[in-house]
Amino acid sequence: MNNTDTQVIQSVKLADQPNAAEVLQHVYSALVEKGYDPINQIVGYVMSGDPTYITSHKNARSLIMKVQRDEILEELMAAYVDSRLRDK
């Protein structure tokens, strides 16, 4: 197997991975629809890893579990920092 083959396999794997930002938007929306405080629920999930913090409505629980918690935290931090820099 040469290096090109490995790159093709890696790009296929990456394409199958859900985007953390899109997952968070979907989960946030599902939590709001069900009447939950989305910030508290997402923080609870990120801190504990307990998927029951996330509603199963609109397949949100299953979807969020496809993304690593550190990727979610990275996305949240990047959005926070970006919003702070825009405000200055």
N, C-alpha and C. Protein backbone atom coordinates (compact mmCIF):
# COMPACT_ATOMS: atom_id res chain seq x y z
N MET A 1 0.86 -1.18 0.00
CA MET A 1 0.00 0.00 0.00
C MET A 1 0.90 1.24 0.00
N ASN A 2 0.71 2.12 -0.95
CA ASN A 2 1.54 3.32 -1.00
C ASN A 2 0.85 4.47 -0.26
N ASN A 3 1.54 5.57 -0.15
CA ASN A 3 1.04 6.73 0.59
C ASN A 3 -0.26 7.28 0.00
N THR A 4 -0.43 7.24 -1.30
CA THR A 4 -1.64 7.73 -1.94
C THR A 4 -2.86 6.92 -1.50
N ASP A 5 -2.71 5.60 -1.42
CA ASP A 5 -3.81 4.75 -0.96
C ASP A 5 -4.23 5.12 0.46
N THR A 6 -3.27 5.35 1.30
CA THR A 6 -3.56 5.72 2.68
C THR A 6 -4.32 7.04 2.74
N GLN A 7 -3.94 8.00 1.93
CA GLN A 7 -4.62 9.28 1.93
C GLN A 7 -6.07 9.14 1.48
N VAL A 8 -6.33 8.31 0.51
CA VAL A 8 -7.69 8.10 0.03
C VAL A 8 -8.53 7.48 1.14
N ILE A 9 -8.00 6.49 1.83
CA ILE A 9 -8.72 5.85 2.93
C ILE A 9 -9.00 6.87 4.02
N GLN A 10 -8.04 7.69 4.38
CA GLN A 10 -8.24 8.69 5.42
C GLN A 10 -9.30 9.70 5.01
N SER A 11 -9.31 10.14 3.77
CA SER A 11 -10.29 11.13 3.36
C SER A 11 -11.70 10.54 3.37
N VAL A 12 -11.82 9.26 3.06
CA VAL A 12 -13.13 8.60 3.13
C VAL A 12 -13.60 8.55 4.57
N LYS A 13 -12.69 8.20 5.49
CA LYS A 13 -13.05 8.16 6.91
C LYS A 13 -13.50 9.54 7.39
N LEU A 14 -12.77 10.57 7.01
CA LEU A 14 -13.12 11.92 7.45
C LEU A 14 -14.46 12.35 6.89
N ALA A 15 -14.76 11.97 5.67
CA ALA A 15 -16.03 12.35 5.07
C ALA A 15 -17.21 11.74 5.82
N ASP A 16 -16.99 10.57 6.44
CA ASP A 16 -18.05 9.91 7.20
C ASP A 16 -18.29 10.54 8.57
N GLN A 17 -17.33 11.33 9.04
CA GLN A 17 -17.45 11.93 10.36
C GLN A 17 -18.35 13.16 10.30
N PRO A 18 -19.31 13.26 11.23
CA PRO A 18 -20.17 14.45 11.24
C PRO A 18 -19.38 15.69 11.68
N ASN A 19 -19.79 16.82 11.18
CA ASN A 19 -19.18 18.09 11.51
C ASN A 19 -19.70 18.54 12.88
N ALA A 20 -18.80 18.86 13.81
CA ALA A 20 -19.19 19.22 15.18
C ALA A 20 -20.12 20.43 15.20
N ALA A 21 -19.87 21.41 14.36
CA ALA A 21 -20.71 22.61 14.34
C ALA A 21 -22.13 22.28 13.91
N GLU A 22 -22.27 21.48 12.88
CA GLU A 22 -23.60 21.09 12.42
C GLU A 22 -24.33 20.23 13.44
N VAL A 23 -23.60 19.34 14.08
CA VAL A 23 -24.19 18.50 15.12
C VAL A 23 -24.69 19.36 16.26
N LEU A 24 -23.89 20.32 16.69
CA LEU A 24 -24.30 21.20 17.78
C LEU A 24 -25.55 22.01 17.41
N GLN A 25 -25.61 22.48 16.19
CA GLN A 25 -26.80 23.22 15.76
C GLN A 25 -28.03 22.34 15.80
N HIS A 26 -27.91 21.12 15.33
CA HIS A 26 -29.04 20.18 15.31
C HIS A 26 -29.47 19.83 16.74
N VAL A 27 -28.50 19.53 17.60
CA VAL A 27 -28.80 19.16 18.98
C VAL A 27 -29.42 20.34 19.71
N TYR A 28 -28.88 21.52 19.52
CA TYR A 28 -29.41 22.73 20.15
C TYR A 28 -30.89 22.91 19.78
N SER A 29 -31.17 22.80 18.50
CA SER A 29 -32.54 22.95 18.00
C SER A 29 -33.47 21.91 18.61
N ALA A 30 -33.03 20.67 18.67
CA ALA A 30 -33.86 19.59 19.23
C ALA A 30 -34.13 19.83 20.71
N LEU A 31 -33.12 20.30 21.43
CA LEU A 31 -33.30 20.58 22.87
C LEU A 31 -34.29 21.71 23.08
N VAL A 32 -34.20 22.76 22.27
CA VAL A 32 -35.14 23.88 22.38
C VAL A 32 -36.56 23.40 22.08
N GLU A 33 -36.72 22.62 21.03
CA GLU A 33 -38.05 22.11 20.66
C GLU A 33 -38.69 21.32 21.80
N LYS A 34 -37.87 20.61 22.56
CA LYS A 34 -38.40 19.80 23.65
C LYS A 34 -38.52 20.59 24.96
N GLY A 35 -38.13 21.87 24.93
CA GLY A 35 -38.30 22.72 26.11
C GLY A 35 -37.16 22.68 27.11
N TYR A 36 -36.03 22.13 26.73
CA TYR A 36 -34.87 22.07 27.61
C TYR A 36 -34.03 23.34 27.46
N ASP A 37 -33.20 23.62 28.46
CA ASP A 37 -32.20 24.68 28.36
C ASP A 37 -31.00 24.07 27.63
N PRO A 38 -30.80 24.41 26.36
CA PRO A 38 -29.77 23.72 25.57
C PRO A 38 -28.36 23.92 26.09
N ILE A 39 -28.07 25.09 26.65
CA ILE A 39 -26.72 25.34 27.16
C ILE A 39 -26.42 24.40 28.33
N ASN A 40 -27.34 24.35 29.29
CA ASN A 40 -27.13 23.47 30.45
C ASN A 40 -27.02 22.01 30.04
N GLN A 41 -27.84 21.59 29.11
CA GLN A 41 -27.84 20.19 28.69
C GLN A 41 -26.55 19.83 27.95
N ILE A 42 -26.10 20.70 27.06
CA ILE A 42 -24.88 20.42 26.31
C ILE A 42 -23.67 20.45 27.24
N VAL A 43 -23.63 21.40 28.16
CA VAL A 43 -22.53 21.45 29.14
C VAL A 43 -22.53 20.17 29.97
N GLY A 44 -23.70 19.74 30.43
CA GLY A 44 -23.78 18.51 31.20
C GLY A 44 -23.24 17.32 30.43
N TYR A 45 -23.58 17.24 29.16
CA TYR A 45 -23.08 16.15 28.33
C TYR A 45 -21.57 16.23 28.14
N VAL A 46 -21.05 17.41 27.82
CA VAL A 46 -19.61 17.55 27.59
C VAL A 46 -18.83 17.24 28.86
N MET A 47 -19.31 17.70 30.00
CA MET A 47 -18.60 17.49 31.26
C MET A 47 -18.63 16.03 31.71
N SER A 48 -19.77 15.37 31.56
CA SER A 48 -19.93 14.03 32.12
C SER A 48 -19.81 12.90 31.10
N GLY A 49 -20.13 13.18 29.86
CA GLY A 49 -20.17 12.13 28.85
C GLY A 49 -21.46 11.32 28.90
N ASP A 50 -22.38 11.72 29.77
CA ASP A 50 -23.66 11.01 29.92
C ASP A 50 -24.61 11.44 28.80
N PRO A 51 -24.92 10.55 27.86
CA PRO A 51 -25.76 10.93 26.73
C PRO A 51 -27.20 11.26 27.10
N THR A 52 -27.63 10.90 28.31
CA THR A 52 -29.01 11.21 28.69
C THR A 52 -29.24 12.70 28.89
N TYR A 53 -28.19 13.50 28.90
CA TYR A 53 -28.36 14.96 28.92
C TYR A 53 -28.97 15.46 27.61
N ILE A 54 -28.83 14.67 26.56
CA ILE A 54 -29.29 15.07 25.23
C ILE A 54 -30.55 14.29 24.88
N THR A 55 -31.56 15.00 24.43
CA THR A 55 -32.82 14.37 24.05
C THR A 55 -32.62 13.44 22.85
N SER A 56 -33.45 12.43 22.79
CA SER A 56 -33.42 11.56 21.61
C SER A 56 -34.28 12.13 20.48
N HIS A 57 -35.00 13.22 20.77
CA HIS A 57 -35.83 13.89 19.77
C HIS A 57 -34.98 14.26 18.55
N LYS A 58 -35.50 13.96 17.37
CA LYS A 58 -34.82 14.25 16.10
C LYS A 58 -33.44 13.58 16.01
N ASN A 59 -33.31 12.45 16.72
CA ASN A 59 -32.08 11.66 16.69
C ASN A 59 -30.86 12.42 17.22
N ALA A 60 -31.10 13.44 18.06
CA ALA A 60 -30.02 14.29 18.56
C ALA A 60 -29.01 13.52 19.41
N ARG A 61 -29.49 12.63 20.26
CA ARG A 61 -28.58 11.88 21.14
C ARG A 61 -27.65 11.00 20.31
N SER A 62 -28.20 10.30 19.38
CA SER A 62 -27.38 9.42 18.53
C SER A 62 -26.37 10.23 17.74
N LEU A 63 -26.79 11.37 17.25
CA LEU A 63 -25.92 12.21 16.43
C LEU A 63 -24.76 12.78 17.25
N ILE A 64 -25.04 13.29 18.46
CA ILE A 64 -23.97 13.90 19.24
C ILE A 64 -22.94 12.87 19.69
N MET A 65 -23.36 11.63 19.84
CA MET A 65 -22.43 10.59 20.26
C MET A 65 -21.48 10.17 19.14
N LYS A 66 -21.72 10.64 17.92
CA LYS A 66 -20.83 10.34 16.79
C LYS A 66 -19.65 11.32 16.73
N VAL A 67 -19.70 12.36 17.56
CA VAL A 67 -18.65 13.36 17.59
C VAL A 67 -17.93 13.24 18.93
N GLN A 68 -16.61 13.26 18.91
CA GLN A 68 -15.85 13.19 20.15
C GLN A 68 -16.13 14.44 21.00
N ARG A 69 -16.18 14.26 22.31
CA ARG A 69 -16.47 15.40 23.19
C ARG A 69 -15.40 16.48 23.08
N ASP A 70 -14.16 16.11 22.87
CA ASP A 70 -13.12 17.13 22.73
C ASP A 70 -13.32 17.96 21.46
N GLU A 71 -13.88 17.36 20.40
CA GLU A 71 -14.19 18.12 19.19
C GLU A 71 -15.32 19.11 19.45
N ILE A 72 -16.29 18.69 20.25
CA ILE A 72 -17.39 19.59 20.62
C ILE A 72 -16.84 20.76 21.41
N LEU A 73 -15.98 20.48 22.38
CA LEU A 73 -15.39 21.54 23.19
C LEU A 73 -14.55 22.49 22.33
N GLU A 74 -13.79 21.94 21.39
CA GLU A 74 -13.03 22.79 20.47
C GLU A 74 -13.94 23.72 19.69
N GLU A 75 -15.03 23.19 19.17
CA GLU A 75 -15.97 23.99 18.39
C GLU A 75 -16.59 25.09 19.25
N LEU A 76 -16.97 24.76 20.46
CA LEU A 76 -17.56 25.75 21.37
C LEU A 76 -16.57 26.85 21.71
N MET A 77 -15.33 26.47 21.99
CA MET A 77 -14.30 27.46 22.32
C MET A 77 -13.99 28.35 21.12
N ALA A 78 -13.90 27.76 19.95
CA ALA A 78 -13.62 28.55 18.75
C ALA A 78 -14.74 29.55 18.49
N ALA A 79 -15.99 29.13 18.66
CA ALA A 79 -17.12 30.03 18.45
C ALA A 79 -17.10 31.15 19.49
N TYR A 80 -16.77 30.82 20.71
CA TYR A 80 -16.71 31.82 21.78
C TYR A 80 -15.62 32.86 21.49
N VAL A 81 -14.43 32.38 21.17
CA VAL A 81 -13.32 33.29 20.90
C VAL A 81 -13.62 34.13 19.67
N ASP A 82 -14.15 33.52 18.61
CA ASP A 82 -14.50 34.27 17.41
C ASP A 82 -15.51 35.37 17.71
N SER A 83 -16.50 35.07 18.52
CA SER A 83 -17.51 36.08 18.83
C SER A 83 -16.91 37.21 19.67
N ARG A 84 -15.98 36.90 20.54
CA ARG A 84 -15.33 37.93 21.35
C ARG A 84 -14.45 38.82 20.49
N LEU A 85 -13.75 38.25 19.52
CA LEU A 85 -12.88 39.04 18.66
C LEU A 85 -13.70 39.94 17.73
N ARG A 86 -14.87 39.45 17.30
CA ARG A 86 -15.73 40.26 16.43
C ARG A 86 -16.27 41.47 17.18
N ASP A 87 -16.52 41.31 18.47
CA ASP A 87 -17.11 42.38 19.27
C ASP A 87 -16.12 43.51 19.55
N LYS A 88 -14.83 43.30 19.29
CA LYS A 88 -13.83 44.34 19.61
C LYS A 88 -13.47 45.16 18.42
